[in-house]
Structures are given as C-alpha cells and as structure tokens.
Amino acid sequence: MLQRVILIVLDSVGVGELPDAYKFGDEGTNTLGHVVEKTGIKLPTMEKLGLGNIIPLKTVAPNPNAIGAYGKMAEKSAGKDTTTGHWEIAGLIVEKPFPTYPEGFPKEIIEEFEKRIGRKVLGNKPASGTEIIKELGEEHIKTGYPIVYTSADSVFQIAAHEEVIPLEELYRMCEIAREILKGDHAVGRVIARPFIGSPGNFVRTANRKDFSLKPFGPTVLDMLKEAGYQVYAVGKIEDIFAGQGITDSIHTGNNDEGITATIEAMDAVKKGIIFTNLVDFDMVYGHRNDVNGYAKALKHFDERLPEIMLRLKEEDLLIITADHGCDPTTPGTDHTREYVPLLVYSPSMKEGRNLGLRRTYADVAATIAEIFNVGPIHTGTSFLRELPLKVGV
C-alpha cells in the first residue's frame, strides 16, 4: 500500500494555453514550450519520466519507454493565480474569481488602511514589484510611507525597506490589510514585499510573507490532518492555505532550499504528504520576463530531481505539477491561463502510462484522498487505478 505522497508544484510552469485563454488575453502562451524553444535546454530526468510526451518540446524528446505516468491538467476554477491553482490541486474549485484592481484600490480601502497604520501610502496602482521600488523607493525612504501596489492577480502588496519599516511592523501592516479586505474586497492574498539597498540598487529580500484567505471549505489537506496523517508544507504552501490543514511547515528562500527541505522532509514524514512549492520559476523569472533564468531554474530542478527519486520507497508516490503559467516570452509580466503538466512516479510502477487530459487540477486531490482513504473529493477524478503499480491500492 502507498504510504507517502511527495507533491511538488513547479510554480508557473504551464504547458500551453487553455481553450478560454482568450478571456484572459493569454492566447498563444506556452510557458514551458517557449522557454525550451528559446533556450534549447535539455531536461533528461523529466524526459525520462515522460515530460516530452505531454506536449511537443524542441529539445525534450518524447520517450516511448517513459518510466513515469504523464499527462496535463486543465484549470476548472475561475482564475489563474497562485491561491486558485493550489486550492484546486487540494480539491477546492473557485467558482467566482477573486477581485482584482486594475485601477488601484478604492479610496475607502486605502483611507481605512492609512488610518489604521497611522501613515500615508505611496503607489496604489498595478505594477511590477521590481519596477515600483525603483520608482518610489527613494520617496519611501524619505517619508516612511509604505508602497502599496497590485497586479493582474488578486493581491494587495506592501513593499517596504527593511531599515525603514522593520519586518515585524510590515507583517503587522499586512495583518491589518487582511482584516480590512473582506466581503467584496476579499483579495486572494496580502503580500509583504520587503527590500534592502539604496536608490538605484534596491533588491527584494527572501523575507516575503503571504497572508492568504482561509480556504472556504475543507481541502484534502484538512482531511489528511483530521485522519492523523502528516501534512508537511515546504515553501509558501502554509501561507497559501493560511495554515489550514498543515501539521508541519518550513519556509524556504529559493528553489534550491525548497528542494533540500523536501529531501530532508522525506526523513521526517513516515505516513502522509510532503507538499512543496518552488516559487522561483514564477517570482524571480516569469514575472521578470527572464527566459534564460527560467531555463536555468528548470535545469537546476531537473539536475536535483534524482536526489528525490533515489530516496523514494516502493510505498511512495511522487507527483510533479504546476499551478498556472507565467510565460516569460510574452510582453506582459502576469500569470497566464494554461494547462499544467502532470508527472507521476513511484519505484513500484511497472511501466509508464499516459494519463491523458485531466479536466481539473482537483484530480490530484482525489487521487491523494483515495490513497489515504479520506474524503471523498467530489470535485476531481482519481487517477490512482490508472497507475501500473506493483503495490496494492
């Protein structure tokens, strides 16, 4: 019987536009396909698992002898942000999109926020995080006013220099914003965006912190925790779920730390799930249109993936997927509405298997629920019995 699931989300590694991408202005997007095409990177470990069988990739070949199961998943929820994607992976379908603010936040929200933090704010407009600190960082240092901005996603972001507004104060401001942003203004996430440096040389730090809405219903994580299994969160998973359904967590500063933490968690978790988010693809490279950086990050993950695979036991199942796209080859810097890859592997698999097109990310939750006999998850369809496993299911 399977005892553990290692679930790794390659944040934003989409594999081509969804049929409704035109509604989001994302026609023609293909994060993985375009990065591979532009850079010619090879990803031999994931190629071995069947990555090249999911979509045509210029330098990642289809593998008729793939050792993993492979497919792609459509997002059923109304959105393309981190919270929506992860919640759907865990079994929650978001029917109504979280609110977004292409013109900035309404006057009543900003005035209430300013009143409660005792300071004015700068910005209040959609912007790239790196660009807005270039634009307003010096004024922020002079005035002590935090920089508030948003994006195409449902986020209220607060940027502040760590020597001007200490981290604990910045986090307190985020908690205040989270309290204010309810009802019709219940954004998916309030995000602390600390930075350091001097004008012309500002750098965002790893002390980012997300203050998410609590999931509106039980997820497979809640079901696992209630049944006594470990739910070990790596990276920003704990933040995305507002701590709900988590038994253990570790926050990480980058992809490499996240991979190492996942490996270390494999020694700590005996029965349950290790749920990892590797955020650099999205935060560091996708949103900054850094195609070469994105490729290097993919290559680095592929090079370290064998360390995880070698530690897998017969009773383990590895699932690799994503939460949305963020095509760095497009003019914009926002998330893109795409299918996501699905790679599944266990040492107990007798052969590879095509899992085809899954109608929702929630198929992952349904599969995990079946493995641990929790649930049921009605929003997805388990693919457990499609896997050619030697161990019983």
Protein backbone atom coordinates (compact mmCIF):
# COMPACT_ATOMS: atom_id res chain seq x y z
CA MET A 1 0.00 0.00 0.00
CA LEU A 2 1.17 3.52 -0.72
CA GLN A 3 2.19 5.38 2.44
CA ARG A 4 3.51 8.76 1.28
CA VAL A 5 2.93 11.32 -1.45
CA ILE A 6 5.59 13.87 -2.38
CA LEU A 7 3.71 16.61 -4.26
CA ILE A 8 5.89 19.26 -5.91
CA VAL A 9 4.43 22.36 -7.56
CA LEU A 10 6.74 23.99 -10.10
CA ASP A 11 5.18 27.42 -9.68
CA SER A 12 4.01 28.77 -13.06
CA VAL A 13 5.41 26.01 -15.33
CA GLY A 14 2.41 25.90 -17.66
CA VAL A 15 2.27 23.79 -20.83
CA GLY A 16 0.08 25.74 -23.24
CA GLU A 17 -2.99 27.93 -23.44
CA LEU A 18 -6.35 26.71 -22.15
CA PRO A 19 -9.36 26.94 -24.51
CA ASP A 20 -10.60 30.00 -22.60
CA ALA A 21 -7.21 31.76 -22.59
CA TYR A 22 -8.63 34.45 -24.87
CA LYS A 23 -10.82 35.66 -22.00
CA PHE A 24 -7.64 36.49 -20.09
CA GLY A 25 -5.68 37.90 -23.02
CA ASP A 26 -3.40 34.86 -22.94
CA GLU A 27 -3.77 33.47 -26.45
CA GLY A 28 -0.65 31.69 -27.68
CA THR A 29 1.01 31.32 -24.29
CA ASN A 30 3.07 28.23 -23.52
CA THR A 31 5.50 28.76 -20.65
CA LEU A 32 7.46 25.51 -20.84
CA GLY A 33 7.28 25.19 -24.61
CA HIS A 34 8.52 28.71 -25.25
CA VAL A 35 11.31 28.55 -22.65
CA VAL A 36 12.59 25.30 -24.15
CA GLU A 37 12.28 26.67 -27.68
CA LYS A 38 14.12 29.91 -26.90
CA THR A 39 16.96 28.36 -24.88
CA GLY A 40 17.38 24.80 -26.17
CA ILE A 41 17.69 23.38 -22.65
CA LYS A 42 17.66 19.65 -22.09
CA LEU A 43 15.81 18.15 -19.13
CA PRO A 44 16.93 14.50 -19.14
CA THR A 45 15.43 13.47 -15.79
CA MET A 46 11.94 14.75 -16.56
CA GLU A 47 12.33 13.47 -20.12
CA LYS A 48 12.85 10.04 -18.61
CA LEU A 49 9.61 10.44 -16.66
CA GLY A 50 7.70 11.41 -19.82
CA LEU A 51 7.76 15.22 -19.92
CA GLY A 52 8.32 15.24 -23.70
CA ASN A 53 5.22 13.08 -24.16
CA ILE A 54 2.91 15.78 -22.71
CA ILE A 55 3.44 18.45 -25.39
CA PRO A 56 5.97 18.83 -28.22
CA LEU A 57 9.18 20.29 -26.79
CA LYS A 58 12.03 21.29 -29.08
CA THR A 59 14.87 19.74 -27.05
CA VAL A 60 12.98 17.37 -24.74
CA ALA A 61 12.12 14.26 -26.73
CA PRO A 62 9.04 12.07 -26.45
CA ASN A 63 10.01 8.90 -24.60
CA PRO A 64 8.32 5.65 -25.67
CA ASN A 65 9.93 3.98 -22.65
CA ALA A 66 8.96 6.61 -20.08
CA ILE A 67 9.21 5.32 -16.51
CA GLY A 68 6.55 7.70 -15.20
CA ALA A 69 2.91 8.46 -15.82
CA TYR A 70 2.29 11.71 -17.68
CA GLY A 71 -0.50 14.00 -18.78
CA LYS A 72 -1.73 17.55 -18.46
CA MET A 73 -4.46 19.16 -16.38
CA ALA A 74 -6.92 21.96 -17.13
CA GLU A 75 -7.83 24.56 -14.55
CA LYS A 76 -11.54 24.47 -13.80
CA SER A 77 -11.53 27.41 -11.39
CA ALA A 78 -12.23 30.95 -12.50
CA GLY A 79 -8.75 32.44 -12.31
CA LYS A 80 -5.07 31.98 -12.90
CA ASP A 81 -3.44 32.95 -9.62
CA THR A 82 -1.42 31.04 -7.04
CA THR A 83 -4.18 30.68 -4.47
CA THR A 84 -6.75 29.48 -7.01
CA GLY A 85 -4.34 26.95 -8.52
CA HIS A 86 -3.17 25.47 -5.22
CA TRP A 87 -6.66 25.31 -3.74
CA GLU A 88 -7.83 23.42 -6.84
CA ILE A 89 -4.91 21.00 -6.55
CA ALA A 90 -6.14 20.39 -2.99
CA GLY A 91 -9.73 19.85 -4.16
CA LEU A 92 -11.43 23.28 -3.97
CA ILE A 93 -12.86 24.79 -7.15
CA VAL A 94 -13.10 28.59 -7.06
CA GLU A 95 -16.27 29.42 -8.99
CA LYS A 96 -16.14 33.21 -8.58
CA PRO A 97 -12.85 34.98 -9.37
CA PHE A 98 -11.13 36.82 -6.55
CA PRO A 99 -11.42 40.61 -7.01
CA THR A 100 -8.74 42.44 -8.95
CA TYR A 101 -7.95 46.15 -9.10
CA PRO A 102 -6.63 47.34 -12.48
CA GLU A 103 -7.22 50.96 -11.39
CA GLY A 104 -5.81 50.54 -7.88
CA PHE A 105 -7.75 50.04 -4.66
CA PRO A 106 -10.84 52.14 -3.87
CA LYS A 107 -10.47 55.28 -1.82
CA GLU A 108 -12.35 53.83 1.17
CA ILE A 109 -9.97 50.86 1.40
CA ILE A 110 -6.83 52.99 1.25
CA GLU A 111 -8.17 55.57 3.72
CA GLU A 112 -9.10 52.87 6.22
CA PHE A 113 -5.69 51.24 5.81
CA GLU A 114 -3.86 54.58 6.28
CA LYS A 115 -5.95 55.36 9.35
CA ARG A 116 -5.15 52.03 10.98
CA ILE A 117 -1.41 52.03 10.26
CA GLY A 118 -1.01 55.73 11.10
CA ARG A 119 0.77 56.60 7.83
CA LYS A 120 0.00 57.59 4.27
CA VAL A 121 0.82 55.16 1.46
CA LEU A 122 2.59 55.52 -1.88
CA GLY A 123 1.60 53.94 -5.18
CA ASN A 124 -1.80 52.25 -5.12
CA LYS A 125 -1.66 51.01 -8.69
CA PRO A 126 -0.86 47.85 -10.65
CA ALA A 127 2.88 47.47 -11.10
CA SER A 128 5.85 45.15 -11.36
CA GLY A 129 7.34 44.73 -7.88
CA THR A 130 10.87 45.47 -9.00
CA GLU A 131 9.80 48.49 -11.06
CA ILE A 132 7.70 50.14 -8.37
CA ILE A 133 10.50 50.08 -5.82
CA LYS A 134 12.76 51.66 -8.43
CA GLU A 135 10.11 54.34 -8.96
CA LEU A 136 9.06 55.00 -5.36
CA GLY A 137 11.80 53.51 -3.19
CA GLU A 138 13.65 56.75 -2.61
CA GLU A 139 10.45 58.61 -1.67
CA HIS A 140 9.55 55.73 0.64
CA ILE A 141 12.88 56.08 2.44
CA LYS A 142 12.39 59.84 2.84
CA THR A 143 8.78 59.66 4.06
CA GLY A 144 8.50 56.27 5.74
CA TYR A 145 5.30 55.66 3.77
CA PRO A 146 4.83 52.03 2.64
CA ILE A 147 4.38 51.30 -1.07
CA VAL A 148 1.03 49.67 -1.90
CA TYR A 149 0.53 48.05 -5.29
CA THR A 150 -1.30 45.23 -7.04
CA SER A 151 -1.11 43.25 -10.29
CA ALA A 152 -3.41 41.35 -12.63
CA ASP A 153 -3.76 38.88 -9.75
CA SER A 154 -5.94 39.33 -6.69
CA VAL A 155 -3.22 40.73 -4.44
CA PHE A 156 -2.67 43.69 -2.10
CA GLN A 157 1.12 44.04 -1.91
CA ILE A 158 3.06 46.19 0.54
CA ALA A 159 6.69 46.97 -0.22
CA ALA A 160 8.95 48.47 2.43
CA HIS A 161 12.68 48.87 3.03
CA GLU A 162 13.70 46.68 5.97
CA GLU A 163 15.65 49.57 7.55
CA VAL A 164 12.70 51.97 7.22
CA ILE A 165 9.85 49.67 8.25
CA PRO A 166 11.12 46.66 10.23
CA LEU A 167 9.81 43.26 9.19
CA GLU A 168 7.54 42.79 12.19
CA GLU A 169 5.92 46.17 11.51
CA LEU A 170 5.50 45.32 7.84
CA TYR A 171 3.89 42.00 8.75
CA ARG A 172 1.57 43.83 11.18
CA MET A 173 0.53 46.16 8.35
CA CYS A 174 -0.27 43.11 6.23
CA GLU A 175 -2.40 41.65 9.01
CA ILE A 176 -4.32 44.95 9.19
CA ALA A 177 -4.86 44.91 5.42
CA ARG A 178 -6.03 41.30 5.63
CA GLU A 179 -8.62 42.31 8.24
CA ILE A 180 -9.86 45.18 6.06
CA LEU A 181 -10.04 43.21 2.79
CA LYS A 182 -13.18 41.17 3.35
CA GLY A 183 -16.50 40.66 1.59
CA ASP A 184 -16.49 42.12 -1.91
CA HIS A 185 -12.84 43.14 -1.43
CA ALA A 186 -11.60 39.75 -0.21
CA VAL A 187 -8.42 39.55 -2.29
CA GLY A 188 -6.70 36.19 -2.52
CA ARG A 189 -3.50 37.36 -0.83
CA VAL A 190 -1.96 40.26 1.03
CA ILE A 191 1.80 40.06 0.45
CA ALA A 192 4.69 41.61 2.37
CA ARG A 193 7.43 42.62 -0.10
CA PRO A 194 10.48 43.76 1.89
CA PHE A 195 13.58 45.09 0.16
CA ILE A 196 17.01 46.49 1.00
CA GLY A 197 19.67 48.61 -0.67
CA SER A 198 19.97 52.18 -1.85
CA PRO A 199 18.33 54.13 -4.70
CA GLY A 200 19.35 52.54 -8.00
CA ASN A 201 20.36 49.34 -6.18
CA PHE A 202 17.23 48.09 -4.42
CA VAL A 203 16.93 44.32 -4.00
CA ARG A 204 13.92 42.40 -2.73
CA THR A 205 14.74 40.03 0.12
CA ALA A 206 13.66 36.47 0.92
CA ASN A 207 11.52 37.75 3.83
CA ARG A 208 8.39 37.92 1.68
CA LYS A 209 5.32 36.67 3.52
CA ASP A 210 1.85 35.88 2.18
CA PHE A 211 -1.34 36.45 4.16
CA SER A 212 -3.95 34.40 2.32
CA LEU A 213 -7.66 33.98 2.68
CA LYS A 214 -8.57 30.83 4.54
CA PRO A 215 -9.94 28.15 2.19
CA PHE A 216 -13.74 28.44 2.03
CA GLY A 217 -14.18 24.69 2.55
CA PRO A 218 -12.26 21.58 3.57
CA THR A 219 -9.38 20.50 1.35
CA VAL A 220 -7.68 17.14 1.11
CA LEU A 221 -5.07 18.59 3.49
CA ASP A 222 -7.74 19.04 6.18
CA MET A 223 -8.94 15.51 5.59
CA LEU A 224 -5.44 14.08 5.92
CA LYS A 225 -4.70 16.03 9.08
CA GLU A 226 -8.00 15.02 10.66
CA ALA A 227 -7.26 11.37 9.86
CA GLY A 228 -3.93 11.62 11.70
CA TYR A 229 -1.56 11.83 8.74
CA GLN A 230 1.33 14.28 8.48
CA VAL A 231 0.91 17.21 6.12
CA TYR A 232 4.38 18.73 5.74
CA ALA A 233 4.38 22.07 3.90
CA VAL A 234 7.54 23.31 2.17
CA GLY A 235 7.94 26.87 0.86
CA LYS A 236 4.87 29.11 0.73
CA ILE A 237 2.33 26.26 0.99
CA GLU A 238 1.50 27.12 4.61
CA ASP A 239 0.84 30.75 3.61
CA ILE A 240 -1.34 29.79 0.61
CA PHE A 241 -3.61 27.72 2.85
CA ALA A 242 -3.42 30.17 5.79
CA GLY A 243 -2.05 27.31 7.90
CA GLN A 244 -5.23 25.26 7.44
CA GLY A 245 -4.70 21.50 7.14
CA ILE A 246 -0.94 21.74 7.85
CA THR A 247 0.81 19.73 10.58
CA ASP A 248 4.42 20.80 9.92
CA SER A 249 5.97 23.51 7.78
CA ILE A 250 9.23 25.06 6.71
CA HIS A 251 9.59 28.31 4.78
CA THR A 252 12.35 28.49 2.19
CA GLY A 253 14.13 31.33 0.42
CA ASN A 254 14.54 29.86 -3.06
CA ASN A 255 14.11 26.75 -5.19
CA ASP A 256 17.34 25.13 -4.05
CA GLU A 257 16.39 25.48 -0.39
CA GLY A 258 12.95 24.09 -1.22
CA ILE A 259 14.40 21.01 -2.89
CA THR A 260 16.75 20.41 0.05
CA ALA A 261 13.91 20.87 2.53
CA THR A 262 11.80 18.37 0.57
CA ILE A 263 14.59 15.80 0.74
CA GLU A 264 15.02 16.38 4.48
CA ALA A 265 11.25 16.06 4.98
CA MET A 266 11.43 12.60 3.42
CA ASP A 267 13.33 11.53 6.53
CA ALA A 268 10.78 13.13 8.86
CA VAL A 269 7.47 12.07 7.31
CA LYS A 270 6.54 8.41 7.61
CA LYS A 271 2.89 8.45 6.56
CA GLY A 272 1.26 11.38 4.82
CA ILE A 273 2.11 14.07 2.30
CA ILE A 274 5.00 16.43 1.65
CA PHE A 275 3.63 19.42 -0.28
CA THR A 276 6.27 21.68 -1.84
CA ASN A 277 6.06 24.92 -3.80
CA LEU A 278 9.13 26.00 -5.79
CA VAL A 279 8.41 29.68 -6.34
CA ASP A 280 11.48 30.96 -8.23
CA PHE A 281 10.13 29.98 -11.66
CA ASP A 282 7.28 32.44 -11.13
CA MET A 283 8.52 35.12 -8.76
CA VAL A 284 12.12 35.53 -9.93
CA TYR A 285 11.93 34.65 -13.64
CA GLY A 286 8.38 34.51 -15.02
CA HIS A 287 7.25 37.88 -13.70
CA ARG A 288 10.51 39.46 -14.83
CA ASN A 289 10.42 38.02 -18.38
CA ASP A 290 13.78 36.34 -17.71
CA VAL A 291 13.71 33.47 -20.19
CA ASN A 292 17.30 32.37 -19.60
CA GLY A 293 16.88 32.48 -15.82
CA TYR A 294 13.70 30.43 -16.12
CA ALA A 295 15.58 27.85 -18.20
CA LYS A 296 18.42 27.64 -15.68
CA ALA A 297 15.92 27.10 -12.87
CA LEU A 298 14.27 24.26 -14.80
CA LYS A 299 17.66 22.70 -15.48
CA HIS A 300 18.63 23.01 -11.82
CA PHE A 301 15.44 21.27 -10.70
CA ASP A 302 15.97 18.54 -13.27
CA GLU A 303 19.54 18.02 -12.04
CA ARG A 304 18.43 17.72 -8.40
CA LEU A 305 15.33 15.63 -9.07
CA PRO A 306 17.33 12.35 -8.98
CA GLU A 307 18.19 13.11 -5.34
CA ILE A 308 14.48 12.94 -4.56
CA MET A 309 13.82 9.92 -6.78
CA LEU A 310 16.65 7.90 -5.25
CA ARG A 311 15.10 8.35 -1.80
CA LEU A 312 11.67 7.15 -2.89
CA LYS A 313 10.49 3.84 -1.46
CA GLU A 314 8.16 1.34 -3.08
CA GLU A 315 5.32 2.80 -1.00
CA ASP A 316 5.95 6.41 -2.17
CA LEU A 317 4.30 8.35 -4.96
CA LEU A 318 5.91 11.44 -6.49
CA ILE A 319 3.62 13.95 -8.22
CA ILE A 320 5.08 16.93 -10.11
CA THR A 321 2.74 19.60 -11.46
CA ALA A 322 2.17 23.39 -11.57
CA ASP A 323 -0.48 25.92 -10.54
CA HIS A 324 -0.77 28.18 -13.65
CA GLY A 325 1.53 29.63 -16.30
CA CYS A 326 3.73 32.74 -16.41
CA ASP A 327 5.16 32.79 -19.92
CA PRO A 328 8.33 34.93 -19.79
CA THR A 329 8.38 35.31 -23.57
CA THR A 330 5.18 37.39 -23.65
CA PRO A 331 5.14 41.20 -23.42
CA GLY A 332 3.25 41.17 -20.12
CA THR A 333 4.58 40.07 -16.73
CA ASP A 334 1.44 38.47 -15.31
CA HIS A 335 0.32 34.87 -14.86
CA THR A 336 -1.01 33.10 -17.96
CA ARG A 337 -4.06 30.85 -18.30
CA GLU A 338 -2.53 27.47 -19.23
CA TYR A 339 -2.71 23.74 -18.82
CA VAL A 340 -0.22 22.37 -16.29
CA PRO A 341 1.97 19.27 -16.58
CA LEU A 342 1.34 16.10 -14.61
CA LEU A 343 4.24 13.75 -13.94
CA VAL A 344 3.77 10.82 -11.56
CA TYR A 345 6.37 8.28 -10.48
CA SER A 346 6.89 5.50 -7.95
CA PRO A 347 9.62 2.87 -7.75
CA SER A 348 6.74 0.38 -7.69
CA MET A 349 5.49 1.41 -11.16
CA LYS A 350 5.92 -1.40 -13.66
CA GLU A 351 5.91 0.86 -16.73
CA GLY A 352 4.99 4.31 -17.97
CA ARG A 353 1.41 5.37 -18.58
CA ASN A 354 -0.39 8.16 -20.43
CA LEU A 355 -2.86 9.79 -18.04
CA GLY A 356 -4.20 11.98 -20.83
CA LEU A 357 -6.00 15.26 -20.38
CA ARG A 358 -7.42 15.76 -16.88
CA ARG A 359 -10.39 18.10 -16.61
CA THR A 360 -9.30 19.67 -13.33
CA TYR A 361 -6.29 20.02 -11.05
CA ALA A 362 -8.54 18.51 -8.37
CA ASP A 363 -7.78 15.06 -9.83
CA VAL A 364 -4.61 15.28 -7.73
CA ALA A 365 -6.65 15.76 -4.55
CA ALA A 366 -8.99 12.92 -5.50
CA THR A 367 -6.00 10.62 -6.05
CA ILE A 368 -4.44 11.53 -2.71
CA ALA A 369 -7.79 11.04 -0.97
CA GLU A 370 -8.09 7.55 -2.45
CA ILE A 371 -4.54 6.63 -1.44
CA PHE A 372 -5.17 7.51 2.21
CA ASN A 373 -8.85 6.55 2.27
CA VAL A 374 -10.05 10.02 3.24
CA GLY A 375 -12.59 12.28 1.63
CA PRO A 376 -14.31 11.81 -0.68
CA ILE A 377 -13.23 14.55 -3.09
CA HIS A 378 -16.19 15.09 -5.41
CA THR A 379 -14.53 17.83 -7.47
CA GLY A 380 -11.97 15.57 -9.16
CA THR A 381 -11.41 12.07 -10.51
CA SER A 382 -8.68 9.90 -9.04
CA PHE A 383 -6.08 8.50 -11.43
CA LEU A 384 -4.71 6.06 -8.83
CA ARG A 385 -6.12 2.97 -10.52
CA GLU A 386 -4.70 4.08 -13.87
CA LEU A 387 -1.18 3.80 -12.46
CA PRO A 388 0.60 0.49 -13.16
CA LEU A 389 1.71 -0.07 -9.55
CA LYS A 390 3.11 -3.29 -8.15
CA VAL A 391 1.98 -2.38 -4.62
CA GLY A 392 -1.70 -2.73 -3.81
CA VAL A 393 -4.05 0.23 -3.98
